Protein backbone atom coordinates (compact mmCIF):
# COMPACT_ATOMS: atom_id res chain seq x y z
CA MET A 1 -67.36 -130.30 66.93
CA HIS A 2 -67.22 -127.44 65.09
CA ASP A 3 -64.13 -128.40 63.30
CA HIS A 4 -66.09 -131.15 61.66
CA ASP A 5 -68.98 -129.07 60.76
CA HIS A 6 -66.81 -126.58 58.88
CA SER A 7 -65.62 -128.98 56.96
CA ALA A 8 -68.36 -130.99 56.28
CA HIS A 9 -70.15 -127.53 55.20
CA SER A 10 -67.06 -126.44 52.91
CA HIS A 11 -67.60 -130.08 50.65
CA ALA A 12 -70.88 -129.49 50.03
CA GLY A 13 -70.01 -126.03 48.44
CA HIS A 14 -67.44 -128.03 46.32
CA ALA A 15 -69.83 -130.41 44.98
CA HIS A 16 -71.89 -127.77 43.78
CA VAL A 17 -69.48 -125.78 42.50
CA HIS A 18 -67.86 -128.71 40.32
CA ARG A 19 -71.33 -130.02 39.00
CA ALA A 20 -71.65 -126.59 37.33
CA HIS A 21 -68.68 -126.88 34.93
CA GLY A 22 -68.29 -130.61 34.76
CA HIS A 23 -71.32 -130.44 32.52
CA ASP A 24 -69.64 -127.40 30.38
CA SER A 25 -66.64 -129.98 29.86
CA HIS A 26 -69.00 -133.10 29.18
CA GLU A 27 -70.76 -131.29 26.60
CA HIS A 28 -68.03 -129.83 25.03
CA GLY A 29 -66.35 -132.97 24.48
CA HIS A 30 -69.46 -134.81 23.06
CA ALA A 31 -69.59 -132.13 20.54
CA HIS A 32 -66.19 -133.07 18.80
CA ALA A 33 -65.77 -136.70 19.78
CA PRO A 34 -68.00 -137.99 16.66
CA ARG A 35 -66.04 -135.74 14.24
CA GLY A 36 -62.66 -137.25 15.86
CA GLU A 37 -64.16 -140.82 15.42
CA ARG A 38 -65.06 -140.51 11.85
CA ARG A 39 -61.76 -139.15 10.99
CA LEU A 40 -60.29 -142.26 12.66
CA LEU A 41 -61.98 -145.00 11.14
CA TRP A 42 -61.24 -143.24 7.24
CA ALA A 43 -57.24 -143.50 8.27
CA LEU A 44 -58.05 -147.13 9.11
CA ALA A 45 -59.26 -148.32 5.93
CA LEU A 46 -56.86 -146.19 3.80
CA THR A 47 -54.42 -147.78 5.91
CA THR A 48 -55.85 -151.47 5.81
CA SER A 49 -55.87 -151.53 1.86
CA MET A 50 -52.19 -149.74 1.73
CA LEU A 51 -50.76 -151.96 3.84
CA VAL A 52 -51.87 -155.27 2.02
CA VAL A 53 -50.30 -153.19 -1.40
CA GLU A 54 -46.64 -153.25 0.36
CA ALA A 55 -46.94 -156.71 1.93
CA VAL A 56 -47.46 -157.86 -1.65
CA GLY A 57 -45.10 -155.35 -3.15
CA GLY A 58 -42.26 -156.23 -0.42
CA TRP A 59 -42.73 -159.78 -1.12
CA ILE A 60 -42.65 -159.20 -4.76
CA SER A 61 -39.72 -157.13 -5.36
CA GLY A 62 -37.44 -158.30 -2.25
CA SER A 63 -37.51 -155.26 -0.39
CA LEU A 64 -37.23 -155.20 3.45
CA ALA A 65 -37.82 -151.30 3.55
CA LEU A 66 -41.26 -152.14 2.29
CA LEU A 67 -41.74 -155.20 3.98
CA ALA A 68 -41.05 -153.19 7.39
CA ASP A 69 -43.24 -150.43 6.48
CA ALA A 70 -45.97 -152.62 5.64
CA ALA A 71 -45.47 -154.71 9.08
CA HIS A 72 -45.76 -150.97 10.47
CA MET A 73 -49.00 -150.44 8.42
CA LEU A 74 -49.94 -153.74 10.38
CA VAL A 75 -49.75 -152.45 13.44
CA ASP A 76 -51.17 -148.94 12.22
CA ALA A 77 -54.63 -150.77 10.98
CA SER A 78 -54.42 -151.89 14.79
CA ALA A 79 -53.26 -148.74 16.59
CA LEU A 80 -56.31 -146.78 14.56
CA LEU A 81 -58.74 -149.34 15.48
CA PHE A 82 -57.79 -149.30 19.42
CA ALA A 83 -57.35 -145.41 19.07
CA TRP A 84 -61.24 -145.41 17.58
CA LEU A 85 -62.12 -147.46 20.48
CA GLY A 86 -60.60 -145.56 22.89
CA ALA A 87 -62.35 -142.37 21.42
CA LEU A 88 -65.75 -144.43 21.67
CA PHE A 89 -65.01 -145.41 25.07
CA ALA A 90 -63.58 -142.48 26.66
CA ARG A 91 -67.37 -140.77 25.97
CA ARG A 92 -69.29 -143.61 27.77
CA PRO A 93 -70.28 -141.58 31.53
CA ALA A 94 -68.97 -142.92 34.65
CA ASP A 95 -70.75 -145.69 36.28
CA ALA A 96 -70.84 -148.01 39.27
CA ARG A 97 -67.46 -149.36 39.01
CA ARG A 98 -65.85 -146.93 37.05
CA SER A 99 -66.83 -143.51 39.21
CA PHE A 100 -64.22 -141.15 36.18
CA GLY A 101 -65.63 -142.90 33.66
CA TYR A 102 -63.76 -144.44 31.12
CA ALA A 103 -61.62 -141.36 29.64
CA ARG A 104 -57.73 -143.17 30.51
CA LEU A 105 -58.21 -146.02 27.97
CA GLU A 106 -56.76 -143.22 25.75
CA VAL A 107 -53.77 -143.07 27.38
CA LEU A 108 -53.27 -147.01 27.81
CA VAL A 109 -53.99 -147.10 24.46
CA GLY A 110 -51.32 -144.37 23.65
CA TYR A 111 -48.87 -146.73 25.98
CA THR A 112 -49.79 -149.96 23.87
CA ASN A 113 -48.91 -148.48 20.66
CA ALA A 114 -45.68 -146.99 21.66
CA LEU A 115 -44.80 -150.09 22.89
CA THR A 116 -45.87 -151.99 20.05
CA GLN A 117 -43.45 -149.76 18.18
CA VAL A 118 -40.20 -150.16 20.28
CA PHE A 119 -40.70 -154.10 19.28
CA LEU A 120 -41.45 -153.24 15.93
CA VAL A 121 -38.06 -151.56 15.81
CA GLY A 122 -36.34 -154.28 16.99
CA TRP A 123 -37.33 -156.57 14.28
CA ILE A 124 -36.58 -154.21 11.49
CA MET A 125 -33.09 -154.05 13.07
CA PHE A 126 -32.47 -157.97 13.64
CA GLU A 127 -34.05 -158.02 9.85
CA ALA A 128 -31.48 -155.46 8.41
CA VAL A 129 -28.65 -156.90 9.85
CA ALA A 130 -29.33 -159.96 8.35
CA ARG A 131 -29.58 -158.19 5.20
CA PHE A 132 -26.55 -156.14 5.37
CA LEU A 133 -24.60 -159.65 5.81
CA ALA A 134 -26.19 -161.21 2.64
CA PRO A 135 -27.91 -158.86 0.43
CA ALA A 136 -30.38 -160.09 -1.88
CA PRO A 137 -31.67 -159.52 -5.35
CA ILE A 138 -34.54 -156.54 -5.04
CA LEU A 139 -37.02 -155.54 -7.91
CA SER A 140 -36.35 -151.60 -7.67
CA GLY A 141 -38.93 -150.82 -10.16
CA THR A 142 -41.68 -152.56 -8.25
CA MET A 143 -40.78 -151.52 -5.23
CA LEU A 144 -40.31 -147.57 -6.28
CA ALA A 145 -44.11 -147.54 -7.55
CA VAL A 146 -45.41 -149.72 -4.00
CA ALA A 147 -42.91 -146.95 -2.37
CA ILE A 148 -44.60 -143.69 -3.63
CA ALA A 149 -48.29 -145.20 -3.69
CA GLY A 150 -47.61 -145.81 -0.01
CA LEU A 151 -46.44 -142.62 0.51
CA VAL A 152 -49.43 -140.73 -1.43
CA VAL A 153 -51.67 -142.74 0.86
CA ASN A 154 -49.77 -141.97 3.95
CA LEU A 155 -49.98 -138.08 3.47
CA ILE A 156 -53.61 -138.60 2.75
CA VAL A 157 -54.39 -140.35 5.99
CA LEU A 158 -52.15 -137.33 7.67
CA ARG A 159 -54.45 -135.10 6.10
CA VAL A 160 -57.77 -136.70 7.39
CA LEU A 161 -56.41 -137.09 10.80
CA GLY A 162 -55.78 -133.11 11.09
CA GLY A 163 -54.07 -132.00 14.11
CA HIS A 164 -54.39 -132.49 17.72
CA ASP A 165 -54.15 -131.21 20.95
CA HIS A 166 -50.60 -131.80 22.73
CA ASP A 167 -52.74 -133.44 25.55
CA ASP A 168 -54.40 -135.93 23.86
CA VAL A 169 -52.35 -138.88 23.82
CA ASN A 170 -54.71 -141.39 21.98
CA THR A 171 -54.90 -139.65 18.46
CA ALA A 172 -51.13 -138.44 19.11
CA GLY A 173 -50.43 -142.11 19.27
CA ALA A 174 -52.36 -142.84 16.09
CA ARG A 175 -50.67 -139.80 14.36
CA LEU A 176 -47.29 -141.23 15.49
CA HIS A 177 -47.79 -144.65 13.43
CA VAL A 178 -49.20 -142.94 10.56
CA LEU A 179 -45.77 -140.23 10.69
CA GLY A 180 -43.39 -143.45 11.04
CA ASP A 181 -45.08 -145.11 8.19
CA LEU A 182 -44.67 -141.53 6.10
CA LEU A 183 -40.90 -141.94 7.27
CA GLY A 184 -40.75 -145.55 5.82
CA SER A 185 -42.26 -144.69 2.65
CA VAL A 186 -39.62 -141.71 2.64
CA GLY A 187 -36.84 -144.39 3.19
CA ALA A 188 -38.48 -146.68 0.29
CA VAL A 189 -38.59 -144.61 -1.91
CA ALA A 190 -34.71 -143.20 -1.65
CA ALA A 191 -33.66 -146.66 -1.06
CA ALA A 192 -35.48 -147.77 -4.19
CA LEU A 193 -33.95 -144.98 -6.30
CA LEU A 194 -30.08 -146.09 -5.04
CA ILE A 195 -30.45 -149.26 -5.81
CA ARG A 196 -32.40 -148.71 -9.17
CA PHE A 197 -29.75 -146.07 -10.21
CA PHE A 198 -26.26 -146.93 -8.70
CA GLY A 199 -27.04 -150.85 -7.68
CA TRP A 200 -26.52 -149.79 -3.82
CA LEU A 201 -28.62 -153.31 -2.00
CA TRP A 202 -27.07 -151.79 0.98
CA ALA A 203 -29.33 -149.10 0.76
CA ASP A 204 -32.63 -151.04 1.55
CA PRO A 205 -31.38 -152.24 4.94
CA LEU A 206 -29.59 -148.87 5.53
CA ILE A 207 -32.46 -146.76 5.15
CA SER A 208 -34.57 -149.04 7.04
CA VAL A 209 -32.38 -148.59 10.32
CA ILE A 210 -31.83 -145.34 9.49
CA VAL A 211 -36.35 -144.73 9.83
CA ALA A 212 -36.50 -147.44 12.90
CA LEU A 213 -34.43 -144.86 14.62
CA LEU A 214 -36.15 -142.05 14.35
CA ILE A 215 -39.23 -144.00 15.22
CA LEU A 216 -37.87 -144.96 18.38
CA ASN A 217 -37.06 -141.61 19.47
CA SER A 218 -40.69 -140.69 19.37
CA ALA A 219 -42.12 -144.33 20.63
CA ILE A 220 -39.68 -143.42 23.38
CA ARG A 221 -41.50 -139.77 24.21
CA LEU A 222 -44.76 -141.08 23.85
CA LEU A 223 -43.95 -144.13 26.08
CA ARG A 224 -42.86 -141.68 28.37
CA ARG A 225 -45.98 -139.31 28.65
CA CYS A 226 -47.96 -141.97 28.92
CA ALA A 227 -46.37 -143.89 31.92
CA HIS A 228 -45.90 -140.72 33.69
CA ILE A 229 -49.78 -140.15 33.19
CA LEU A 230 -50.21 -143.82 34.46
CA LEU A 231 -48.31 -143.53 37.27
CA GLU A 232 -49.89 -140.40 38.72
CA GLY A 233 -47.10 -137.87 37.51
CA VAL A 234 -47.65 -134.44 38.59
CA PRO A 235 -48.32 -132.75 34.97
CA GLU A 236 -45.93 -130.36 33.66
CA GLY A 237 -45.91 -126.41 34.47
CA ALA A 238 -48.12 -127.88 37.84
CA GLU A 239 -45.76 -128.84 40.31
CA VAL A 240 -47.09 -129.29 43.86
CA GLU A 241 -45.05 -126.11 45.51
CA ARG A 242 -45.96 -124.26 42.75
CA VAL A 243 -49.76 -124.93 42.96
CA ALA A 244 -49.59 -124.19 46.68
CA ALA A 245 -47.68 -120.94 46.56
CA THR A 246 -49.95 -119.73 43.87
CA VAL A 247 -53.16 -120.65 45.59
CA VAL A 248 -51.70 -119.02 49.07
CA ALA A 249 -50.74 -115.67 46.93
CA GLN A 250 -54.13 -115.59 44.94
CA ALA A 251 -56.59 -116.92 46.41
CA VAL A 252 -58.55 -114.57 49.30
CA GLY A 253 -58.23 -115.64 53.10
CA VAL A 254 -56.26 -118.98 52.28
CA ARG A 255 -53.66 -118.88 54.96
CA GLU A 256 -52.05 -122.02 53.82
CA VAL A 257 -51.83 -125.06 51.49
CA HIS A 258 -50.63 -128.27 52.28
CA HIS A 259 -51.28 -132.42 51.39
CA VAL A 260 -51.76 -131.11 47.57
CA HIS A 261 -52.10 -133.73 44.83
CA VAL A 262 -51.96 -133.56 41.30
CA TRP A 263 -52.64 -135.71 38.96
CA GLN A 264 -53.95 -136.38 35.13
CA LEU A 265 -57.08 -138.90 34.00
CA SER A 266 -56.01 -138.68 30.85
CA GLY A 267 -53.98 -136.15 28.27
CA GLY A 268 -56.23 -133.09 29.02
CA GLN A 269 -58.12 -133.80 32.03
CA ARG A 270 -56.27 -132.77 35.06
CA ILE A 271 -57.10 -133.50 38.84
CA ALA A 272 -56.07 -132.09 42.13
CA THR A 273 -57.07 -132.48 45.59
CA LEU A 274 -55.80 -130.25 48.82
CA HIS A 275 -55.95 -129.02 52.17
CA ALA A 276 -56.44 -125.42 53.15
CA ARG A 277 -56.17 -123.37 56.25
CA LEU A 278 -58.40 -120.38 56.14
CA GLU A 279 -58.55 -116.60 58.04
CA GLU A 280 -61.04 -116.98 60.35
CA SER A 281 -63.15 -114.75 59.20
CA VAL A 282 -63.39 -116.11 55.41
CA ALA A 283 -66.54 -118.41 54.53
CA PRO A 284 -65.66 -121.89 53.60
CA ASP A 285 -67.72 -121.52 50.58
CA SER A 286 -65.91 -118.51 48.84
CA ALA A 287 -62.50 -119.56 49.27
CA ILE A 288 -63.28 -122.78 47.89
CA VAL A 289 -64.65 -121.13 45.25
CA ALA A 290 -61.79 -118.71 45.25
CA ILE A 291 -59.39 -121.63 45.23
CA GLN A 292 -61.05 -123.70 42.49
CA GLN A 293 -60.62 -120.17 40.10
CA VAL A 294 -56.99 -119.94 40.38
CA LEU A 295 -56.53 -123.90 39.69
CA ARG A 296 -58.72 -123.52 36.80
CA ALA A 297 -57.54 -120.34 35.69
CA ARG A 298 -53.31 -120.95 36.18
CA PHE A 299 -52.84 -124.23 35.97
CA GLY A 300 -55.55 -125.99 33.92
CA ILE A 301 -57.07 -127.97 36.87
CA ALA A 302 -60.72 -128.53 36.14
CA HIS A 303 -61.26 -131.14 39.08
CA ALA A 304 -60.55 -129.93 42.32
CA THR A 305 -61.21 -131.20 45.75
CA VAL A 306 -60.90 -129.32 48.69
CA GLN A 307 -60.39 -129.93 52.26
CA VAL A 308 -60.53 -126.39 54.08
CA GLU A 309 -59.89 -125.96 57.57
CA GLY A 310 -60.07 -123.34 60.36
CA LEU A 311 -57.50 -121.62 62.51
CA ALA A 312 -58.29 -123.32 65.73
CA CYS A 313 -57.78 -127.26 64.38
CA ARG A 314 -54.81 -128.99 66.06
CA GLN A 315 -51.64 -129.65 64.55
CA VAL A 316 -52.29 -133.36 63.89
CA GLU A 317 -55.65 -132.91 62.42
CA CYS A 318 -54.64 -129.87 60.40
CA GLY A 319 -52.01 -132.24 58.95
CA GLY A 320 -48.43 -130.57 59.83
CA ALA A 321 -47.44 -133.66 62.06
CA GLY A 322 -48.01 -137.09 62.48
CA ARG A 323 -49.41 -137.00 58.97
CA PRO A 324 -47.50 -138.97 55.51
């Protein structure tokens, strides 16, 4: 009975601490969200306009590099639209059906964007092989003009999107698409110059393959990062053993830590649950505060649920035996 009351009291203390911290994070997110959404909308408008120009230019000139880049930009327009929707919905508060809110929507969007890129690379490769086997005539002048225009627009879009946090997989997905477009435009300019001055028709599919491989490399990295988050993987630098050892070493009065689980709600929001056994003279509330401070300062974990246990609890209750 004593152990039960002990644990219940500790949870009450945790709830109070978490509410105070969560409010600050919530307000901080709202302060920056509208600006990011406006950037995504501007990028969407520019990308949509340019994809039409590249599609028409690629069809008229007969360039695979331009057509591939236009198809890529069509995917990008959808990616930017979903990224904007992801940022918008991520700010919605938690409700009865989604107690953590909609923050993970950005990870789902990033995952979908990266997966789409992989399929797009497959299409470019297929078309490139056909062009190698049967080269088609290309209007290099038209191709060059459109490719340069695409290069300029993509540079502007990257500038509009600006930098992003490494953990922000939503914006990372949008920038990945635009960066792929930029590479596609550079490749199209190079292919147009080679065709115009040397008559090398094979340069068009060759450049397309090189750009596709560069896109594939970036897409796979983003795909792995998003999949890791969706599978509740442990964040980099917050390995379970390391978290447990750090808490025991730095949180005063903590004797042992077990049942540690660390994962990410979205790219920048880390969550943890753990059980901590305390020394007999340590108050549960003060131990919870100390543990949360260590988790926040050392691992960036802003949301932590802590179950504290006294030395009097039986081994099976403390999770040491008979528990998975």
